[in-house]
Amino acid sequence: MPDENLGPVLVVDAGSSSLHLTVLDDDRNVLARHDSSSAPGDDVPDLLRQVLRETPPPAAVGHRVVHSGPGLHGHTLVDDRVRAHLDRAADLAPLHVPPALTALDAARELLPDVPHAACFDTVFHTGLPAAAREYAVPAVWREEYGLRRYGFHGLSYAWALARTAELLGRPSERLHVVIAHLGGGCSACAVRDGRSADTTMGFTPLEGLVMSHRSGSVDPGALTWLQTRHRLSPDDVDDALNHRSGLLGLSGTSDDTRDLVRDRAAGDERAALALDVFTHHCRRGIAAMAASLDRLDALVFTGEIGEDQPEVREEVCGRLAALGLSGGLRTPDGDRPGRPEVVSGPDAAVPVVVVPTGETQQVDHETRALLRGSPR
């Protein structure tokens, strides 16, 4: 397909407890948007119709899907074969893929005559070096069961990398950066010459950093101990680690850093502990990612927390002097919302960059790229 304008693209981003529908034109202008704070369900067709009434008919639909599973290694147009494959990937990210498939099925039924693209968070990490990809477990687990590290937040990383390259005036293929996506889910990624070299999330989005209500990495011996000594079932452990841990489990009150910063200032010791553990794990993850680089050209923050929580950025950078980072960061300019900025001082040895979250725009970009590369 030639590089002419394609027209509007509907981006569907369905999560475990949210649904975001956005229609963008060829210049990335938002024509319509709907945000729901509940998981996709029977109401998805009505919500889609509501958004579509506000815009011209979309030329395509792009779907954010967290996990591609073992058999898909690139963003792809959805047909029945791909759709069947995604069912097999659903148990690898049970909080995220089933809601995405609910929305995908509803959109394909409502819009059967336009192409639908599945854009995966795992694709950014498909070239992970073997040393970063493989777990040190028996061969049968790796070769027959497919146990390996996939990595996630790839759409966010791709967007943040491109914006950082533009901001710094350097090609992304020549950058060595660590990107920290801090939001409801949290991870860090080492980008070496424009490619993912390591990342903190692994086989599922549960590994790695402490998150809003997910635990991040826990000693696997502790999990087997809980099951054998305290008779917790696998379902009990899974529910606790995914829903009742992280900032929520530490604070006992909230999984939102804004609440915790306020409560810490009011003397809440559990809020203070939650933030201390969270920022400690962020620092440790960032430092681990830097070990996969020859140098650190920038530290990039993105995600809702990374973008909007200056206290977290300050506490992370202020105690990473070993990487050439320092505190004293400024808050992004409120007169330039939505634009990436360098928030470190002009004399900083390593620039600290804040890039507003751009997963929706990246899905739009990848969908258009697929269409331009496909015969009509």
Protein backbone atom coordinates (compact mmCIF):
# COMPACT_ATOMS: atom_id res chain seq x y z
CA MET A 1 0.00 0.00 0.00
CA PRO A 2 1.51 3.37 -0.91
CA ASP A 3 2.22 5.99 1.71
CA GLU A 4 -0.93 8.00 1.19
CA ASN A 5 -3.06 9.02 4.14
CA LEU A 6 -5.00 6.07 5.44
CA GLY A 7 -7.72 7.87 7.38
CA PRO A 8 -8.79 7.38 10.99
CA VAL A 9 -7.55 4.43 13.05
CA LEU A 10 -9.44 3.17 16.07
CA VAL A 11 -7.08 2.06 18.85
CA VAL A 12 -8.47 -0.42 21.37
CA ASP A 13 -6.50 -0.79 24.61
CA ALA A 14 -8.23 -3.23 26.95
CA GLY A 15 -6.75 -4.02 30.35
CA SER A 16 -7.70 -6.06 33.37
CA SER A 17 -9.75 -3.20 34.80
CA SER A 18 -9.99 -0.62 32.03
CA LEU A 19 -10.91 -0.01 28.41
CA HIS A 20 -9.54 2.85 26.35
CA LEU A 21 -10.96 3.56 22.90
CA THR A 22 -9.27 6.25 20.82
CA VAL A 23 -9.70 7.34 17.22
CA LEU A 24 -6.70 9.15 15.70
CA ASP A 25 -6.32 10.81 12.33
CA ASP A 26 -3.26 10.70 10.09
CA ASP A 27 -1.57 13.45 12.11
CA ARG A 28 -2.15 11.70 15.47
CA ASN A 29 -4.92 14.12 16.39
CA VAL A 30 -7.51 12.55 18.67
CA LEU A 31 -10.91 12.58 16.99
CA ALA A 32 -12.77 10.72 19.74
CA ARG A 33 -11.92 9.00 23.00
CA HIS A 34 -13.66 6.91 25.62
CA ASP A 35 -12.05 5.73 28.86
CA SER A 36 -13.71 3.19 31.10
CA SER A 37 -12.45 2.10 34.52
CA SER A 38 -14.07 -1.32 34.32
CA ALA A 39 -12.96 -4.49 32.56
CA PRO A 40 -14.31 -5.11 29.06
CA GLY A 41 -17.57 -7.02 29.09
CA ASP A 42 -20.92 -7.22 27.36
CA ASP A 43 -21.01 -3.44 27.07
CA VAL A 44 -18.06 -3.28 24.64
CA PRO A 45 -20.19 -3.18 21.46
CA ASP A 46 -22.25 -0.28 22.82
CA LEU A 47 -19.11 1.62 23.83
CA LEU A 48 -17.61 1.06 20.40
CA ARG A 49 -20.76 2.31 18.69
CA GLN A 50 -20.74 5.39 20.93
CA VAL A 51 -17.19 6.29 19.91
CA LEU A 52 -17.75 5.53 16.23
CA ARG A 53 -20.77 7.84 16.09
CA GLU A 54 -18.39 10.73 16.79
CA THR A 55 -15.96 10.12 13.92
CA PRO A 56 -15.72 9.12 10.27
CA PRO A 57 -15.58 5.34 9.74
CA PRO A 58 -12.15 4.00 10.72
CA ALA A 59 -9.84 2.65 8.04
CA ALA A 60 -8.47 0.08 10.51
CA VAL A 61 -8.52 -0.99 14.14
CA GLY A 62 -5.35 -1.45 16.16
CA HIS A 63 -5.51 -3.61 19.29
CA ARG A 64 -2.97 -3.53 22.07
CA VAL A 65 -2.31 -7.11 23.20
CA VAL A 66 0.16 -7.59 26.03
CA HIS A 67 1.43 -11.08 25.14
CA SER A 68 2.02 -12.58 21.70
CA GLY A 69 2.74 -16.07 22.97
CA PRO A 70 5.60 -18.18 21.61
CA GLY A 71 4.50 -18.36 17.98
CA LEU A 72 4.14 -14.71 16.94
CA HIS A 73 7.21 -12.51 16.68
CA GLY A 74 5.83 -9.36 15.12
CA HIS A 75 2.77 -7.15 15.05
CA THR A 76 0.26 -8.77 12.73
CA LEU A 77 -3.07 -8.41 11.00
CA VAL A 78 -5.69 -10.59 12.66
CA ASP A 79 -7.30 -13.48 10.84
CA ASP A 80 -8.89 -16.61 12.28
CA ARG A 81 -5.52 -18.36 12.54
CA VAL A 82 -3.99 -15.51 14.52
CA ARG A 83 -7.09 -15.27 16.68
CA ALA A 84 -6.84 -18.97 17.56
CA HIS A 85 -3.18 -18.52 18.45
CA LEU A 86 -4.04 -15.72 20.85
CA ASP A 87 -6.29 -18.07 22.81
CA ARG A 88 -3.24 -20.22 23.46
CA ALA A 89 -1.32 -17.16 24.69
CA ALA A 90 -4.03 -16.05 27.11
CA ASP A 91 -2.86 -18.06 30.13
CA LEU A 92 0.60 -16.44 29.93
CA ALA A 93 -0.89 -13.04 30.84
CA PRO A 94 -4.25 -13.92 32.43
CA LEU A 95 -4.94 -10.41 33.71
CA HIS A 96 -4.42 -8.77 30.34
CA VAL A 97 -4.96 -11.00 27.32
CA PRO A 98 -8.51 -12.28 27.99
CA PRO A 99 -9.95 -8.72 28.28
CA ALA A 100 -8.09 -7.74 25.12
CA LEU A 101 -9.61 -10.71 23.29
CA THR A 102 -13.08 -9.76 24.53
CA ALA A 103 -12.64 -6.32 22.98
CA LEU A 104 -11.01 -7.76 19.84
CA ASP A 105 -13.91 -10.11 19.20
CA ALA A 106 -16.47 -7.36 19.71
CA ALA A 107 -14.64 -4.98 17.37
CA ARG A 108 -14.19 -7.63 14.66
CA GLU A 109 -17.90 -8.44 14.79
CA LEU A 110 -18.91 -4.79 14.66
CA LEU A 111 -16.35 -3.85 11.99
CA PRO A 112 -15.86 -6.99 9.91
CA ASP A 113 -14.83 -5.21 6.71
CA VAL A 114 -11.82 -3.27 8.01
CA PRO A 115 -8.41 -4.74 8.91
CA HIS A 116 -7.68 -5.40 12.56
CA ALA A 117 -4.08 -5.35 13.78
CA ALA A 118 -2.75 -7.02 16.92
CA CYS A 119 0.13 -4.98 18.34
CA PHE A 120 2.08 -6.80 21.05
CA ASP A 121 4.04 -5.51 24.03
CA THR A 122 6.37 -8.49 23.71
CA VAL A 123 7.55 -7.69 20.17
CA PHE A 124 10.06 -5.03 21.28
CA HIS A 125 11.94 -7.77 23.15
CA THR A 126 11.97 -10.50 20.48
CA GLY A 127 15.69 -10.03 19.92
CA LEU A 128 16.69 -10.39 23.57
CA PRO A 129 20.16 -11.96 23.85
CA ALA A 130 20.09 -15.55 25.08
CA ALA A 131 21.77 -14.55 28.32
CA ALA A 132 18.87 -12.21 29.12
CA ARG A 133 16.18 -14.45 27.64
CA GLU A 134 16.82 -17.83 29.26
CA TYR A 135 16.04 -19.01 32.77
CA ALA A 136 18.52 -21.34 34.48
CA VAL A 137 16.02 -24.20 34.72
CA PRO A 138 15.94 -27.77 33.35
CA ALA A 139 16.03 -28.14 29.59
CA VAL A 140 12.62 -29.80 29.45
CA TRP A 141 11.05 -26.70 31.00
CA ARG A 142 12.71 -24.46 28.44
CA GLU A 143 12.47 -26.64 25.34
CA GLU A 144 9.19 -28.50 25.84
CA TYR A 145 7.20 -26.13 28.04
CA GLY A 146 8.54 -22.94 26.44
CA LEU A 147 9.61 -21.31 29.70
CA ARG A 148 11.59 -18.20 28.82
CA ARG A 149 11.66 -14.47 29.43
CA TYR A 150 9.45 -12.46 27.06
CA GLY A 151 9.45 -8.93 28.48
CA PHE A 152 6.54 -6.48 28.30
CA HIS A 153 5.69 -2.76 27.97
CA GLY A 154 7.29 -2.93 24.53
CA LEU A 155 4.88 -0.49 22.87
CA SER A 156 5.65 2.04 25.58
CA TYR A 157 9.38 1.47 25.18
CA ALA A 158 9.26 1.87 21.40
CA TRP A 159 7.41 5.19 21.75
CA ALA A 160 9.68 6.48 24.53
CA LEU A 161 12.84 5.51 22.65
CA ALA A 162 11.80 7.33 19.49
CA ARG A 163 10.80 10.46 21.41
CA THR A 164 14.05 10.41 23.40
CA ALA A 165 16.09 10.14 20.21
CA GLU A 166 14.25 13.13 18.75
CA LEU A 167 14.73 15.14 21.95
CA LEU A 168 18.45 14.39 22.21
CA GLY A 169 19.02 14.79 18.46
CA ARG A 170 20.62 11.37 18.11
CA PRO A 171 19.57 8.28 16.13
CA SER A 172 17.91 5.67 18.32
CA GLU A 173 20.25 3.07 16.77
CA ARG A 174 23.18 4.78 18.50
CA LEU A 175 21.64 5.20 21.94
CA HIS A 176 22.33 3.23 25.10
CA VAL A 177 19.53 4.11 27.51
CA VAL A 178 17.55 2.67 30.39
CA ILE A 179 13.82 3.28 30.19
CA ALA A 180 11.65 2.89 33.28
CA HIS A 181 7.94 2.40 32.62
CA LEU A 182 6.30 3.10 35.97
CA GLY A 183 2.52 2.85 36.14
CA GLY A 184 0.02 0.26 37.31
CA GLY A 185 2.55 -2.22 35.99
CA CYS A 186 6.24 -1.35 36.29
CA SER A 187 9.34 -2.49 34.47
CA ALA A 188 12.70 -1.25 33.26
CA CYS A 189 14.47 -1.98 29.99
CA ALA A 190 18.04 -1.67 28.75
CA VAL A 191 18.08 -0.40 25.15
CA ARG A 192 21.36 -0.96 23.35
CA ASP A 193 21.73 0.54 19.88
CA GLY A 194 17.98 0.81 19.53
CA ARG A 195 17.20 -2.77 20.61
CA SER A 196 16.07 -4.34 23.85
CA ALA A 197 19.11 -5.86 25.57
CA ASP A 198 17.46 -6.76 28.88
CA THR A 199 14.29 -6.10 30.81
CA THR A 200 12.98 -6.74 34.30
CA MET A 201 9.71 -8.51 33.37
CA GLY A 202 9.97 -12.13 32.28
CA PHE A 203 7.68 -15.04 31.43
CA THR A 204 4.70 -13.08 32.73
CA PRO A 205 4.15 -9.41 33.67
CA LEU A 206 4.56 -10.37 37.35
CA GLU A 207 8.36 -10.57 37.45
CA GLY A 208 10.58 -7.63 38.28
CA LEU A 209 9.82 -4.33 39.97
CA VAL A 210 7.26 -3.71 42.71
CA MET A 211 4.02 -2.50 41.11
CA SER A 212 0.70 -0.97 42.16
CA HIS A 213 -0.89 -4.20 43.32
CA ARG A 214 1.50 -6.80 41.88
CA SER A 215 4.40 -8.05 43.95
CA GLY A 216 7.18 -8.08 41.41
CA SER A 217 9.88 -10.70 41.96
CA VAL A 218 9.58 -12.88 45.06
CA ASP A 219 11.90 -15.69 46.11
CA PRO A 220 10.40 -18.78 44.43
CA GLY A 221 11.38 -20.78 47.50
CA ALA A 222 9.05 -18.60 49.57
CA LEU A 223 6.18 -19.44 47.22
CA THR A 224 6.72 -23.19 47.44
CA TRP A 225 7.05 -22.80 51.24
CA LEU A 226 3.70 -21.00 51.41
CA GLN A 227 2.09 -23.85 49.48
CA THR A 228 3.68 -26.72 51.41
CA ARG A 229 3.88 -25.24 54.93
CA HIS A 230 0.78 -23.04 54.99
CA ARG A 231 -1.30 -24.98 52.46
CA LEU A 232 -2.00 -22.02 50.19
CA SER A 233 -3.34 -23.20 46.86
CA PRO A 234 -1.80 -22.06 43.56
CA ASP A 235 -4.92 -19.94 43.02
CA ASP A 236 -4.45 -18.32 46.46
CA VAL A 237 -0.84 -17.46 45.67
CA ASP A 238 -1.68 -16.21 42.18
CA ASP A 239 -4.47 -13.98 43.48
CA ALA A 240 -2.33 -12.53 46.27
CA LEU A 241 0.67 -11.80 44.05
CA ASN A 242 -1.39 -10.21 41.27
CA HIS A 243 -4.11 -8.37 43.21
CA ARG A 244 -3.17 -7.86 46.87
CA SER A 245 0.54 -7.13 46.82
CA GLY A 246 2.80 -4.30 45.63
CA LEU A 247 2.11 -0.81 46.93
CA LEU A 248 -1.33 -1.91 48.09
CA GLY A 249 0.00 -4.85 50.08
CA LEU A 250 2.75 -2.78 51.70
CA SER A 251 0.63 0.24 52.59
CA GLY A 252 -2.62 -1.53 53.36
CA THR A 253 -4.50 1.50 52.05
CA SER A 254 -3.71 2.45 48.47
CA ASP A 255 -1.90 1.36 45.29
CA ASP A 256 -1.61 4.98 44.10
CA THR A 257 1.70 6.80 44.69
CA ARG A 258 -0.12 10.13 44.90
CA ASP A 259 -2.04 8.92 47.94
CA LEU A 260 1.08 7.44 49.47
CA VAL A 261 3.17 10.61 49.06
CA ARG A 262 0.41 12.57 50.77
CA ASP A 263 -0.04 9.99 53.54
CA ARG A 264 3.70 9.77 54.15
CA ALA A 265 3.82 13.54 54.66
CA ALA A 266 1.06 13.13 57.24
CA GLY A 267 3.15 10.60 59.17
CA ASP A 268 1.82 7.30 57.83
CA GLU A 269 4.70 4.83 58.37
CA ARG A 270 3.23 2.13 56.14
CA ALA A 271 2.90 4.60 53.28
CA ALA A 272 6.53 5.58 53.84
CA LEU A 273 7.55 1.91 53.78
CA ALA A 274 5.64 1.30 50.55
CA LEU A 275 7.38 4.19 48.82
CA ASP A 276 10.79 3.18 50.20
CA VAL A 277 10.41 -0.39 48.93
CA PHE A 278 9.05 0.80 45.59
CA THR A 279 11.85 3.29 44.89
CA HIS A 280 14.51 0.85 46.15
CA HIS A 281 13.33 -1.76 43.65
CA CYS A 282 13.24 0.88 40.91
CA ARG A 283 16.85 1.82 41.62
CA ARG A 284 17.92 -1.80 41.74
CA GLY A 285 16.15 -2.57 38.47
CA ILE A 286 17.60 0.46 36.70
CA ALA A 287 21.11 -0.38 37.89
CA ALA A 288 20.70 -3.98 36.73
CA MET A 289 19.61 -2.80 33.29
CA ALA A 290 22.59 -0.46 33.04
CA ALA A 291 24.84 -3.53 33.41
CA SER A 292 23.79 -4.55 29.87
CA LEU A 293 25.03 -1.27 28.37
CA ASP A 294 28.47 0.09 27.51
CA ARG A 295 27.46 3.54 28.71
CA LEU A 296 24.34 5.35 29.90
CA ASP A 297 23.28 8.07 27.47
CA ALA A 298 20.04 8.84 29.36
CA LEU A 299 17.60 7.55 31.93
CA VAL A 300 14.04 7.81 30.63
CA PHE A 301 10.89 7.80 32.74
CA THR A 302 7.49 7.04 31.26
CA GLY A 303 4.17 5.59 32.45
CA GLU A 304 1.69 7.34 34.71
CA ILE A 305 3.99 7.34 37.75
CA GLY A 306 7.12 8.04 35.75
CA GLU A 307 5.44 10.97 34.06
CA ASP A 308 3.41 12.49 36.89
CA GLN A 309 5.19 11.70 40.17
CA PRO A 310 8.22 13.96 40.65
CA GLU A 311 8.83 12.63 44.17
CA VAL A 312 9.45 9.15 42.79
CA ARG A 313 11.83 10.38 40.08
CA GLU A 314 13.76 12.40 42.65
CA GLU A 315 14.08 9.52 45.11
CA VAL A 316 15.22 7.17 42.37
CA CYS A 317 17.79 9.44 40.74
CA GLY A 318 19.06 11.02 43.97
CA ARG A 319 20.46 7.67 45.11
CA LEU A 320 21.95 6.43 41.84
CA ALA A 321 25.20 8.39 41.97
CA ALA A 322 27.08 5.24 40.95
CA LEU A 323 25.46 5.58 37.51
CA GLY A 324 26.30 9.28 37.21
CA LEU A 325 22.77 10.36 38.15
CA SER A 326 21.78 12.94 40.71
CA GLY A 327 18.72 14.59 42.19
CA GLY A 328 17.64 18.19 41.87
CA LEU A 329 15.33 17.34 38.99
CA ARG A 330 12.82 19.89 37.84
CA THR A 331 9.15 19.24 37.20
CA PRO A 332 8.17 19.15 33.51
CA ASP A 333 6.84 22.43 32.18
CA GLY A 334 3.07 22.56 32.66
CA ASP A 335 2.81 24.83 29.63
CA ARG A 336 4.07 21.99 27.40
CA PRO A 337 1.80 19.08 28.32
CA GLY A 338 2.31 15.89 26.42
CA ARG A 339 5.83 16.76 25.24
CA PRO A 340 9.02 14.92 26.24
CA GLU A 341 11.46 16.96 28.31
CA VAL A 342 14.89 16.75 29.89
CA VAL A 343 14.31 17.33 33.62
CA SER A 344 17.93 17.13 34.80
CA GLY A 345 20.17 20.16 34.99
CA PRO A 346 22.29 21.38 32.07
CA ASP A 347 25.47 20.06 33.71
CA ALA A 348 24.10 16.59 34.48
CA ALA A 349 26.48 13.78 33.55
CA VAL A 350 23.48 11.66 32.46
CA PRO A 351 20.33 13.37 31.17
CA VAL A 352 17.07 12.37 32.83
CA VAL A 353 14.18 12.45 30.37
CA VAL A 354 10.43 12.30 30.96
CA VAL A 355 8.36 11.02 28.04
CA PRO A 356 4.55 11.08 28.33
CA THR A 357 3.02 7.66 27.88
CA GLY A 358 2.43 6.89 24.21
CA GLU A 359 1.14 3.33 23.89
CA THR A 360 -1.98 4.48 22.06
CA GLN A 361 0.06 6.46 19.54
CA GLN A 362 2.45 3.54 19.08
CA VAL A 363 -0.41 1.14 18.33
CA ASP A 364 -1.68 3.67 15.78
CA HIS A 365 1.82 3.87 14.26
CA GLU A 366 2.28 0.09 14.09
CA THR A 367 -1.19 -0.43 12.61
CA ARG A 368 -0.52 2.08 9.85
CA ALA A 369 2.88 0.51 9.19
CA LEU A 370 1.27 -2.91 8.81
CA LEU A 371 -1.31 -1.56 6.39
CA ARG A 372 1.27 0.24 4.28
CA GLY A 373 3.25 -2.97 4.06
CA SER A 374 0.27 -5.12 3.11
CA PRO A 375 -1.33 -5.49 -0.31
CA ARG A 376 -4.79 -4.02 -0.55
